[in-house]
Amino acid sequence: MIKKLFSKYFELVFWIAAMLSLALTSPQAESHFTLCPLKLMGITWCPGCGLGHAIIYLFHGDIPNSFHAHWLGIPAVLIIFHRIYVLGKDRLGYGHRFQNPRNPAS
């Protein structure tokens, strides 16, 4: 039962938690921890580095700094919010609200 619920809602909960954690993070906070595998290996350049900062700046309304941190920040937020919407609609059953249970095609 728990495994079924976990597997059904994991991605939805993950994206919501990720967006909330980025929205609640201060853009001026110093970063001491990274999940970037390239940075952990000692490589100084990474195509994804700055994306988290771009999203944080965007949530705080600082669009110029968001674009400066990473130009894919705005599209990434739009894509992730769309994914949250699709998952929420699918997992919470909103997509099937007006469907006839006897005739699923209607």
PDB file of N, CA and C in Angstrom:
ATOM      1  N   MET A   1       0.827  -1.188   0.000  1.00  0.00           N
ATOM      2  CA  MET A   1       0.000   0.000   0.000  1.00  0.00           C
ATOM      3  C   MET A   1       0.875   1.256   0.000  1.00  0.00           C
ATOM      4  N   ILE A   2       1.853   1.320   0.906  1.00  0.00           N
ATOM      5  CA  ILE A   2       2.736   2.490   0.985  1.00  0.00           C
ATOM      6  C   ILE A   2       3.588   2.567  -0.274  1.00  0.00           C
ATOM      7  N   LYS A   3       4.072   1.426  -0.746  1.00  0.00           N
ATOM      8  CA  LYS A   3       4.903   1.411  -1.943  1.00  0.00           C
ATOM      9  C   LYS A   3       4.110   1.900  -3.151  1.00  0.00           C
ATOM     10  N   LYS A   4       2.842   1.520  -3.240  1.00  0.00           N
ATOM     11  CA  LYS A   4       1.999   1.947  -4.344  1.00  0.00           C
ATOM     12  C   LYS A   4       1.765   3.465  -4.289  1.00  0.00           C
ATOM     13  N   LEU A   5       1.476   3.997  -3.099  1.00  0.00           N
ATOM     14  CA  LEU A   5       1.276   5.438  -2.950  1.00  0.00           C
ATOM     15  C   LEU A   5       2.564   6.197  -3.249  1.00  0.00           C
ATOM     16  N   PHE A   6       3.685   5.668  -2.760  1.00  0.00           N
ATOM     17  CA  PHE A   6       4.986   6.301  -2.979  1.00  0.00           C
ATOM     18  C   PHE A   6       5.302   6.375  -4.465  1.00  0.00           C
ATOM     19  N   SER A   7       5.102   5.265  -5.171  1.00  0.00           N
ATOM     20  CA  SER A   7       5.426   5.251  -6.597  1.00  0.00           C
ATOM     21  C   SER A   7       4.452   6.103  -7.406  1.00  0.00           C
ATOM     22  N   LYS A   8       3.217   6.232  -6.943  1.00  0.00           N
ATOM     23  CA  LYS A   8       2.221   7.009  -7.679  1.00  0.00           C
ATOM     24  C   LYS A   8       2.448   8.510  -7.540  1.00  0.00           C
ATOM     25  N   TYR A   9       2.817   8.971  -6.352  1.00  0.00           N
ATOM     26  CA  TYR A   9       2.911  10.404  -6.086  1.00  0.00           C
ATOM     27  C   TYR A   9       4.336  10.941  -5.955  1.00  0.00           C
ATOM     28  N   PHE A  10       5.349  10.092  -6.094  1.00  0.00           N
ATOM     29  CA  PHE A  10       6.726  10.521  -5.846  1.00  0.00           C
ATOM     30  C   PHE A  10       7.146  11.701  -6.715  1.00  0.00           C
ATOM     31  N   GLU A  11       6.953  11.591  -8.019  1.00  0.00           N
ATOM     32  CA  GLU A  11       7.417  12.647  -8.920  1.00  0.00           C
ATOM     33  C   GLU A  11       6.677  13.964  -8.654  1.00  0.00           C
ATOM     34  N   LEU A  12       5.382  13.889  -8.419  1.00  0.00           N
ATOM     35  CA  LEU A  12       4.604  15.093  -8.123  1.00  0.00           C
ATOM     36  C   LEU A  12       5.097  15.766  -6.848  1.00  0.00           C
ATOM     37  N   VAL A  13       5.284  14.994  -5.799  1.00  0.00           N
ATOM     38  CA  VAL A  13       5.767  15.539  -4.524  1.00  0.00           C
ATOM     39  C   VAL A  13       7.193  16.067  -4.674  1.00  0.00           C
ATOM     40  N   PHE A  14       8.015  15.366  -5.424  1.00  0.00           N
ATOM     41  CA  PHE A  14       9.396  15.788  -5.644  1.00  0.00           C
ATOM     42  C   PHE A  14       9.456  17.163  -6.296  1.00  0.00           C
ATOM     43  N   TRP A  15       8.712  17.363  -7.399  1.00  0.00           N
ATOM     44  CA  TRP A  15       8.767  18.646  -8.103  1.00  0.00           C
ATOM     45  C   TRP A  15       8.181  19.775  -7.271  1.00  0.00           C
ATOM     46  N   ILE A  16       7.103  19.513  -6.547  1.00  0.00           N
ATOM     47  CA  ILE A  16       6.527  20.544  -5.682  1.00  0.00           C
ATOM     48  C   ILE A  16       7.519  20.928  -4.589  1.00  0.00           C
ATOM     49  N   ALA A  17       8.141  19.930  -3.967  1.00  0.00           N
ATOM     50  CA  ALA A  17       9.125  20.206  -2.904  1.00  0.00           C
ATOM     51  C   ALA A  17      10.336  20.955  -3.459  1.00  0.00           C
ATOM     52  N   ALA A  18      10.781  20.581  -4.644  1.00  0.00           N
ATOM     53  CA  ALA A  18      11.924  21.255  -5.260  1.00  0.00           C
ATOM     54  C   ALA A  18      11.611  22.721  -5.542  1.00  0.00           C
ATOM     55  N   MET A  19      10.445  22.991  -6.102  1.00  0.00           N
ATOM     56  CA  MET A  19      10.065  24.370  -6.407  1.00  0.00           C
ATOM     57  C   MET A  19       9.877  25.184  -5.126  1.00  0.00           C
ATOM     58  N   LEU A  20       9.286  24.575  -4.112  1.00  0.00           N
ATOM     59  CA  LEU A  20       9.115  25.275  -2.837  1.00  0.00           C
ATOM     60  C   LEU A  20      10.458  25.580  -2.186  1.00  0.00           C
ATOM     61  N   SER A  21      11.367  24.629  -2.229  1.00  0.00           N
ATOM     62  CA  SER A  21      12.676  24.870  -1.603  1.00  0.00           C
ATOM     63  C   SER A  21      13.434  25.968  -2.332  1.00  0.00           C
ATOM     64  N   LEU A  22      13.324  26.026  -3.651  1.00  0.00           N
ATOM     65  CA  LEU A  22      13.982  27.096  -4.401  1.00  0.00           C
ATOM     66  C   LEU A  22      13.290  28.437  -4.167  1.00  0.00           C
ATOM     67  N   ALA A  23      11.980  28.423  -4.043  1.00  0.00           N
ATOM     68  CA  ALA A  23      11.242  29.667  -3.814  1.00  0.00           C
ATOM     69  C   ALA A  23      11.534  30.245  -2.437  1.00  0.00           C
ATOM     70  N   LEU A  24      11.816  29.395  -1.463  1.00  0.00           N
ATOM     71  CA  LEU A  24      12.053  29.852  -0.101  1.00  0.00           C
ATOM     72  C   LEU A  24      13.528  30.135   0.201  1.00  0.00           C
ATOM     73  N   THR A  25      14.398  29.902  -0.773  1.00  0.00           N
ATOM     74  CA  THR A  25      15.824  30.141  -0.594  1.00  0.00           C
ATOM     75  C   THR A  25      16.148  31.596  -0.919  1.00  0.00           C
ATOM     76  N   SER A  26      17.015  32.189  -0.130  1.00  0.00           N
ATOM     77  CA  SER A  26      17.434  33.567  -0.363  1.00  0.00           C
ATOM     78  C   SER A  26      18.425  33.614  -1.520  1.00  0.00           C
ATOM     79  N   PRO A  27      18.246  34.548  -2.461  1.00  0.00           N
ATOM     80  CA  PRO A  27      19.206  34.641  -3.567  1.00  0.00           C
ATOM     81  C   PRO A  27      20.599  35.079  -3.125  1.00  0.00           C
ATOM     82  N   GLN A  28      20.706  35.736  -1.982  1.00  0.00           N
ATOM     83  CA  GLN A  28      22.005  36.196  -1.496  1.00  0.00           C
ATOM     84  C   GLN A  28      22.721  35.143  -0.648  1.00  0.00           C
ATOM     85  N   ALA A  29      22.095  34.010  -0.385  1.00  0.00           N
ATOM     86  CA  ALA A  29      22.701  32.968   0.447  1.00  0.00           C
ATOM     87  C   ALA A  29      23.916  32.369  -0.256  1.00  0.00           C
ATOM     88  N   GLU A  30      24.950  32.121   0.509  1.00  0.00           N
ATOM     89  CA  GLU A  30      26.148  31.476  -0.020  1.00  0.00           C
ATOM     90  C   GLU A  30      25.883  29.982  -0.176  1.00  0.00           C
ATOM     91  N   SER A  31      26.361  29.430  -1.266  1.00  0.00           N
ATOM     92  CA  SER A  31      26.190  28.006  -1.526  1.00  0.00           C
ATOM     93  C   SER A  31      27.438  27.261  -1.055  1.00  0.00           C
ATOM     94  N   HIS A  32      27.268  26.347  -0.110  1.00  0.00           N
ATOM     95  CA  HIS A  32      28.388  25.557   0.392  1.00  0.00           C
ATOM     96  C   HIS A  32      28.291  24.096  -0.018  1.00  0.00           C
ATOM     97  N   PHE A  33      27.145  23.700  -0.526  1.00  0.00           N
ATOM     98  CA  PHE A  33      26.916  22.305  -0.880  1.00  0.00           C
ATOM     99  C   PHE A  33      26.421  22.241  -2.316  1.00  0.00           C
ATOM    100  N   THR A  34      26.871  21.256  -3.059  1.00  0.00           N
ATOM    101  CA  THR A  34      26.443  21.107  -4.441  1.00  0.00           C
ATOM    102  C   THR A  34      26.120  19.644  -4.737  1.00  0.00           C
ATOM    103  N   LEU A  35      25.176  19.451  -5.636  1.00  0.00           N
ATOM    104  CA  LEU A  35      24.853  18.115  -6.129  1.00  0.00           C
ATOM    105  C   LEU A  35      25.434  17.890  -7.523  1.00  0.00           C
ATOM    106  N   CYS A  36      26.105  18.899  -8.056  1.00  0.00           N
ATOM    107  CA  CYS A  36      26.647  18.823  -9.413  1.00  0.00           C
ATOM    108  C   CYS A  36      27.785  17.796  -9.479  1.00  0.00           C
ATOM    109  N   PRO A  37      27.624  16.745 -10.276  1.00  0.00           N
ATOM    110  CA  PRO A  37      28.681  15.728 -10.342  1.00  0.00           C
ATOM    111  C   PRO A  37      29.957  16.261 -10.982  1.00  0.00           C
ATOM    112  N   LEU A  38      29.850  17.187 -11.927  1.00  0.00           N
ATOM    113  CA  LEU A  38      31.051  17.741 -12.558  1.00  0.00           C
ATOM    114  C   LEU A  38      31.847  18.579 -11.570  1.00  0.00           C
ATOM    115  N   LYS A  39      31.152  19.404 -10.782  1.00  0.00           N
ATOM    116  CA  LYS A  39      31.843  20.230  -9.786  1.00  0.00           C
ATOM    117  C   LYS A  39      32.464  19.348  -8.701  1.00  0.00           C
ATOM    118  N   LEU A  40      31.786  18.265  -8.337  1.00  0.00           N
ATOM    119  CA  LEU A  40      32.323  17.347  -7.335  1.00  0.00           C
ATOM    120  C   LEU A  40      33.574  16.622  -7.837  1.00  0.00           C
ATOM    121  N   MET A  41      33.696  16.481  -9.169  1.00  0.00           N
ATOM    122  CA  MET A  41      34.883  15.862  -9.752  1.00  0.00           C
ATOM    123  C   MET A  41      36.007  16.870  -9.978  1.00  0.00           C
ATOM    124  N   GLY A  42      35.753  18.145  -9.682  1.00  0.00           N
ATOM    125  CA  GLY A  42      36.784  19.161  -9.830  1.00  0.00           C
ATOM    126  C   GLY A  42      36.733  19.916 -11.139  1.00  0.00           C
ATOM    127  N   ILE A  43      35.753  19.626 -11.985  1.00  0.00           N
ATOM    128  CA  ILE A  43      35.606  20.346 -13.256  1.00  0.00           C
ATOM    129  C   ILE A  43      34.930  21.678 -12.950  1.00  0.00           C
ATOM    130  N   THR A  44      35.508  22.767 -13.415  1.00  0.00           N
ATOM    131  CA  THR A  44      34.999  24.084 -13.026  1.00  0.00           C
ATOM    132  C   THR A  44      33.821  24.554 -13.871  1.00  0.00           C
ATOM    133  N   TRP A  45      33.660  24.034 -15.099  1.00  0.00           N
ATOM    134  CA  TRP A  45      32.563  24.488 -15.944  1.00  0.00           C
ATOM    135  C   TRP A  45      31.521  23.387 -16.077  1.00  0.00           C
ATOM    136  N   CYS A  46      30.258  23.766 -15.953  1.00  0.00           N
ATOM    137  CA  CYS A  46      29.153  22.816 -16.093  1.00  0.00           C
ATOM    138  C   CYS A  46      28.017  23.528 -16.808  1.00  0.00           C
ATOM    139  N   PRO A  47      27.378  22.893 -17.791  1.00  0.00           N
ATOM    140  CA  PRO A  47      26.295  23.559 -18.515  1.00  0.00           C
ATOM    141  C   PRO A  47      25.051  23.809 -17.663  1.00  0.00           C
ATOM    142  N   GLY A  48      24.904  23.114 -16.568  1.00  0.00           N
ATOM    143  CA  GLY A  48      23.726  23.290 -15.726  1.00  0.00           C
ATOM    144  C   GLY A  48      23.945  24.179 -14.519  1.00  0.00           C
ATOM    145  N   CYS A  49      25.207  24.488 -14.214  1.00  0.00           N
ATOM    146  CA  CYS A  49      25.481  25.313 -13.043  1.00  0.00           C
ATOM    147  C   CYS A  49      24.897  26.702 -13.237  1.00  0.00           C
ATOM    148  N   GLY A  50      24.251  27.178 -12.223  1.00  0.00           N
ATOM    149  CA  GLY A  50      23.584  28.469 -12.277  1.00  0.00           C
ATOM    150  C   GLY A  50      22.090  28.358 -12.484  1.00  0.00           C
ATOM    151  N   LEU A  51      21.623  27.190 -12.877  1.00  0.00           N
ATOM    152  CA  LEU A  51      20.200  27.006 -13.124  1.00  0.00           C
ATOM    153  C   LEU A  51      19.387  27.172 -11.843  1.00  0.00           C
ATOM    154  N   GLY A  52      19.875  26.626 -10.749  1.00  0.00           N
ATOM    155  CA  GLY A  52      19.187  26.784  -9.465  1.00  0.00           C
ATOM    156  C   GLY A  52      19.134  28.236  -9.034  1.00  0.00           C
ATOM    157  N   HIS A  53      20.254  28.945  -9.199  1.00  0.00           N
ATOM    158  CA  HIS A  53      20.277  30.369  -8.862  1.00  0.00           C
ATOM    159  C   HIS A  53      19.318  31.153  -9.754  1.00  0.00           C
ATOM    160  N   ALA A  54      19.254  30.795 -11.031  1.00  0.00           N
ATOM    161  CA  ALA A  54      18.346  31.477 -11.954  1.00  0.00           C
ATOM    162  C   ALA A  54      16.897  31.318 -11.502  1.00  0.00           C
ATOM    163  N   ILE A  55      16.542  30.127 -11.052  1.00  0.00           N
ATOM    164  CA  ILE A  55      15.176  29.879 -10.586  1.00  0.00           C
ATOM    165  C   ILE A  55      14.906  30.635  -9.288  1.00  0.00           C
ATOM    166  N   ILE A  56      15.878  30.674  -8.396  1.00  0.00           N
ATOM    167  CA  ILE A  56      15.718  31.418  -7.135  1.00  0.00           C
ATOM    168  C   ILE A  56      15.510  32.898  -7.428  1.00  0.00           C
ATOM    169  N   TYR A  57      16.338  33.475  -8.299  1.00  0.00           N
ATOM    170  CA  TYR A  57      16.175  34.882  -8.659  1.00  0.00           C
ATOM    171  C   TYR A  57      14.805  35.130  -9.294  1.00  0.00           C
ATOM    172  N   LEU A  58      14.373  34.204 -10.140  1.00  0.00           N
ATOM    173  CA  LEU A  58      13.081  34.353 -10.795  1.00  0.00           C
ATOM    174  C   LEU A  58      11.943  34.372  -9.780  1.00  0.00           C
ATOM    175  N   PHE A  59      11.999  33.480  -8.795  1.00  0.00           N
ATOM    176  CA  PHE A  59      10.956  33.445  -7.768  1.00  0.00           C
ATOM    177  C   PHE A  59      10.948  34.710  -6.916  1.00  0.00           C
ATOM    178  N   HIS A  60      12.071  35.396  -6.856  1.00  0.00           N
ATOM    179  CA  HIS A  60      12.133  36.636  -6.094  1.00  0.00           C
ATOM    180  C   HIS A  60      11.925  37.865  -6.982  1.00  0.00           C
ATOM    181  N   GLY A  61      11.536  37.640  -8.227  1.00  0.00           N
ATOM    182  CA  GLY A  61      11.193  38.726  -9.132  1.00  0.00           C
ATOM    183  C   GLY A  61      12.361  39.435  -9.771  1.00  0.00           C
ATOM    184  N   ASP A  62      13.543  38.889  -9.661  1.00  0.00           N
ATOM    185  CA  ASP A  62      14.737  39.511 -10.229  1.00  0.00           C
ATOM    186  C   ASP A  62      15.059  38.851 -11.570  1.00  0.00           C
ATOM    187  N   ILE A  63      14.332  39.253 -12.603  1.00  0.00           N
ATOM    188  CA  ILE A  63      14.458  38.622 -13.909  1.00  0.00           C
ATOM    189  C   ILE A  63      15.823  38.875 -14.557  1.00  0.00           C
ATOM    190  N   PRO A  64      16.388  40.090 -14.491  1.00  0.00           N
ATOM    191  CA  PRO A  64      17.724  40.279 -15.105  1.00  0.00           C
ATOM    192  C   PRO A  64      18.800  39.367 -14.489  1.00  0.00           C
ATOM    193  N   ASN A  65      18.839  39.254 -13.158  1.00  0.00           N
ATOM    194  CA  ASN A  65      19.822  38.360 -12.531  1.00  0.00           C
ATOM    195  C   ASN A  65      19.510  36.900 -12.826  1.00  0.00           C
ATOM    196  N   SER A  66      18.229  36.572 -12.958  1.00  0.00           N
ATOM    197  CA  SER A  66      17.845  35.206 -13.319  1.00  0.00           C
ATOM    198  C   SER A  66      18.414  34.849 -14.684  1.00  0.00           C
ATOM    199  N   PHE A  67      18.231  35.739 -15.642  1.00  0.00           N
ATOM    200  CA  PHE A  67      18.743  35.499 -16.988  1.00  0.00           C
ATOM    201  C   PHE A  67      20.275  35.481 -17.001  1.00  0.00           C
ATOM    202  N   HIS A  68      20.892  36.322 -16.173  1.00  0.00           N
ATOM    203  CA  HIS A  68      22.353  36.366 -16.095  1.00  0.00           C
ATOM    204  C   HIS A  68      22.919  35.077 -15.471  1.00  0.00           C
ATOM    205  N   ALA A  69      22.226  34.524 -14.471  1.00  0.00           N
ATOM    206  CA  ALA A  69      22.709  33.293 -13.823  1.00  0.00           C
ATOM    207  C   ALA A  69      22.643  32.108 -14.779  1.00  0.00           C
ATOM    208  N   HIS A  70      21.544  31.990 -15.523  1.00  0.00           N
ATOM    209  CA  HIS A  70      21.411  30.928 -16.528  1.00  0.00           C
ATOM    210  C   HIS A  70      20.228  31.266 -17.403  1.00  0.00           C
ATOM    211  N   TRP A  71      20.433  31.299 -18.691  1.00  0.00           N
ATOM    212  CA  TRP A  71      19.375  31.718 -19.604  1.00  0.00           C
ATOM    213  C   TRP A  71      18.241  30.700 -19.717  1.00  0.00           C
ATOM    214  N   LEU A  72      18.432  29.488 -19.237  1.00  0.00           N
ATOM    215  CA  LEU A  72      17.363  28.489 -19.283  1.00  0.00           C
ATOM    216  C   LEU A  72      16.508  28.456 -18.008  1.00  0.00           C
ATOM    217  N   GLY A  73      16.731  29.384 -17.079  1.00  0.00           N
ATOM    218  CA  GLY A  73      15.968  29.400 -15.829  1.00  0.00           C
ATOM    219  C   GLY A  73      14.482  29.586 -16.050  1.00  0.00           C
ATOM    220  N   ILE A  74      14.108  30.558 -16.865  1.00  0.00           N
ATOM    221  CA  ILE A  74      12.689  30.831 -17.110  1.00  0.00           C
ATOM    222  C   ILE A  74      12.023  29.664 -17.838  1.00  0.00           C
ATOM    223  N   PRO A  75      12.601  29.148 -18.940  1.00  0.00           N
ATOM    224  CA  PRO A  75      11.974  27.981 -19.574  1.00  0.00           C
ATOM    225  C   PRO A  75      11.903  26.761 -18.648  1.00  0.00           C
ATOM    226  N   ALA A  76      12.913  26.586 -17.795  1.00  0.00           N
ATOM    227  CA  ALA A  76      12.908  25.441 -16.875  1.00  0.00           C
ATOM    228  C   ALA A  76      11.743  25.537 -15.896  1.00  0.00           C
ATOM    229  N   VAL A  77      11.495  26.735 -15.364  1.00  0.00           N
ATOM    230  CA  VAL A  77      10.370  26.915 -14.432  1.00  0.00           C
ATOM    231  C   VAL A  77       9.053  26.640 -15.143  1.00  0.00           C
ATOM    232  N   LEU A  78       8.904  27.132 -16.365  1.00  0.00           N
ATOM    233  CA  LEU A  78       7.667  26.892 -17.116  1.00  0.00           C
ATOM    234  C   LEU A  78       7.458  25.396 -17.382  1.00  0.00           C
ATOM    235  N   ILE A  79       8.517  24.714 -17.752  1.00  0.00           N
ATOM    236  CA  ILE A  79       8.418  23.269 -18.028  1.00  0.00           C
ATOM    237  C   ILE A  79       8.094  22.493 -16.752  1.00  0.00           C
ATOM    238  N   ILE A  80       8.740  22.843 -15.652  1.00  0.00           N
ATOM    239  CA  ILE A  80       8.492  22.128 -14.391  1.00  0.00           C
ATOM    240  C   ILE A  80       7.081  22.392 -13.892  1.00  0.00           C
ATOM    241  N   PHE A  81       6.602  23.646 -13.987  1.00  0.00           N
ATOM    242  CA  PHE A  81       5.220  23.928 -13.580  1.00  0.00           C
ATOM    243  C   PHE A  81       4.218  23.203 -14.471  1.00  0.00           C
ATOM    244  N   HIS A  82       4.517  23.087 -15.756  1.00  0.00           N
ATOM    245  CA  HIS A  82       3.635  22.316 -16.641  1.00  0.00           C
ATOM    246  C   HIS A  82       3.632  20.846 -16.234  1.00  0.00           C
ATOM    247  N   ARG A  83       4.800  20.330 -15.885  1.00  0.00           N
ATOM    248  CA  ARG A  83       4.881  18.927 -15.438  1.00  0.00           C
ATOM    249  C   ARG A  83       4.095  18.716 -14.151  1.00  0.00           C
ATOM    250  N   ILE A  84       4.183  19.660 -13.222  1.00  0.00           N
ATOM    251  CA  ILE A  84       3.411  19.569 -11.979  1.00  0.00           C
ATOM    252  C   ILE A  84       1.920  19.573 -12.292  1.00  0.00           C
ATOM    253  N   TYR A  85       1.503  20.435 -13.220  1.00  0.00           N
ATOM    254  CA  TYR A  85       0.093  20.499 -13.612  1.00  0.00           C
ATOM    255  C   TYR A  85      -0.377  19.173 -14.208  1.00  0.00           C
ATOM    256  N   VAL A  86       0.408  18.622 -15.135  1.00  0.00           N
ATOM    257  CA  VAL A  86       0.033  17.352 -15.784  1.00  0.00           C
ATOM    258  C   VAL A  86      -0.018  16.222 -14.761  1.00  0.00           C
ATOM    259  N   LEU A  87       0.995  16.133 -13.899  1.00  0.00           N
ATOM    260  CA  LEU A  87       1.013  15.080 -12.881  1.00  0.00           C
ATOM    261  C   LEU A  87      -0.147  15.237 -11.907  1.00  0.00           C
ATOM    262  N   GLY A  88      -0.418  16.467 -11.475  1.00  0.00           N
ATOM    263  CA  GLY A  88      -1.521  16.706 -10.551  1.00  0.00           C
ATOM    264  C   GLY A  88      -2.851  16.333 -11.158  1.00  0.00           C
ATOM    265  N   LYS A  89      -3.044  16.715 -12.418  1.00  0.00           N
ATOM    266  CA  LYS A  89      -4.294  16.380 -13.110  1.00  0.00           C
ATOM    267  C   LYS A  89      -4.449  14.869 -13.247  1.00  0.00           C
ATOM    268  N   ASP A  90      -3.363  14.207 -13.584  1.00  0.00           N
ATOM    269  CA  ASP A  90      -3.394  12.755 -13.771  1.00  0.00           C
ATOM    270  C   ASP A  90      -3.531  12.001 -12.448  1.00  0.00           C
ATOM    271  N   ARG A  91      -2.696  12.340 -11.473  1.00  0.00           N
ATOM    272  CA  ARG A  91      -2.674  11.598 -10.210  1.00  0.00           C
ATOM    273  C   ARG A  91      -3.873  11.897  -9.314  1.00  0.00           C
ATOM    274  N   LEU A  92      -4.376  13.129  -9.382  1.00  0.00           N
ATOM    275  CA  LEU A  92      -5.485  13.499  -8.511  1.00  0.00           C
ATOM    276  C   LEU A  92      -6.836  13.312  -9.182  1.00  0.00           C
ATOM    277  N   GLY A  93      -6.844  12.855 -10.439  1.00  0.00           N
ATOM    278  CA  GLY A  93      -8.076  12.483 -11.112  1.00  0.00           C
ATOM    279  C   GLY A  93      -8.872  13.613 -11.720  1.00  0.00           C
ATOM    280  N   TYR A  94      -8.301  14.804 -11.846  1.00  0.00           N
ATOM    281  CA  TYR A  94      -9.057  15.908 -12.417  1.00  0.00           C
ATOM    282  C   TYR A  94      -9.294  15.744 -13.908  1.00  0.00           C
ATOM    283  N   GLY A  95      -8.483  14.976 -14.565  1.00  0.00           N
ATOM    284  CA  GLY A  95      -8.651  14.772 -15.996  1.00  0.00           C
ATOM    285  C   GLY A  95      -9.826  13.883 -16.336  1.00  0.00           C
ATOM    286  N   HIS A  96     -10.370  13.151 -15.368  1.00  0.00           N
ATOM    287  CA  HIS A  96     -11.451  12.204 -15.622  1.00  0.00           C
ATOM    288  C   HIS A  96     -12.747  12.613 -14.933  1.00  0.00           C
ATOM    289  N   ARG A  97     -12.868  13.850 -14.524  1.00  0.00           N
ATOM    290  CA  ARG A  97     -14.018  14.297 -13.751  1.00  0.00           C
ATOM    291  C   ARG A  97     -15.326  14.160 -14.509  1.00  0.00           C
ATOM    292  N   PHE A  98     -15.345  14.490 -15.811  1.00  0.00           N
ATOM    293  CA  PHE A  98     -16.587  14.514 -16.564  1.00  0.00           C
ATOM    294  C   PHE A  98     -16.731  13.310 -17.481  1.00  0.00           C
ATOM    295  N   GLN A  99     -15.970  12.288 -17.240  1.00  0.00           N
ATOM    296  CA  GLN A  99     -16.019  11.110 -18.079  1.00  0.00           C
ATOM    297  C   GLN A  99     -17.136  10.176 -17.614  1.00  0.00           C
ATOM    298  N   ASN A 100     -17.884   9.637 -18.548  1.00  0.00           N
ATOM    299  CA  ASN A 100     -18.945   8.692 -18.252  1.00  0.00           C
ATOM    300  C   ASN A 100     -18.309   7.354 -17.874  1.00  0.00           C
ATOM    301  N   PRO A 101     -18.572   6.826 -16.655  1.00  0.00           N
ATOM    302  CA  PRO A 101     -17.919   5.571 -16.235  1.00  0.00           C
ATOM    303  C   PRO A 101     -18.342   4.370 -17.076  1.00  0.00           C
ATOM    304  N   ARG A 102     -19.531   4.406 -17.680  1.00  0.00           N
ATOM    305  CA  ARG A 102     -19.977   3.275 -18.519  1.00  0.00           C
ATOM    306  C   ARG A 102     -19.390   3.347 -19.914  1.00  0.00           C
ATOM    307  N   ASN A 103     -19.091   4.542 -20.376  1.00  0.00           N
ATOM    308  CA  ASN A 103     -18.530   4.732 -21.705  1.00  0.00           C
ATOM    309  C   ASN A 103     -17.297   5.613 -21.598  1.00  0.00           C
ATOM    310  N   PRO A 104     -16.120   5.031 -21.365  1.00  0.00           N
ATOM    311  CA  PRO A 104     -14.906   5.830 -21.163  1.00  0.00           C
ATOM    312  C   PRO A 104     -14.514   6.694 -22.351  1.00  0.00           C
ATOM    313  N   ALA A 105     -15.025   6.395 -23.523  1.00  0.00           N
ATOM    314  CA  ALA A 105     -14.657   7.166 -24.711  1.00  0.00           C
ATOM    315  C   ALA A 105     -15.390   8.494 -24.788  1.00  0.00           C
ATOM    316  N   SER A 106     -16.451   8.674 -24.003  1.00  0.00           N
ATOM    317  CA  SER A 106     -17.230   9.920 -24.110  1.00  0.00           C
ATOM    318  C   SER A 106     -16.623  11.049 -23.311  1.00  0.00           C
TER     319      SER A 106
END
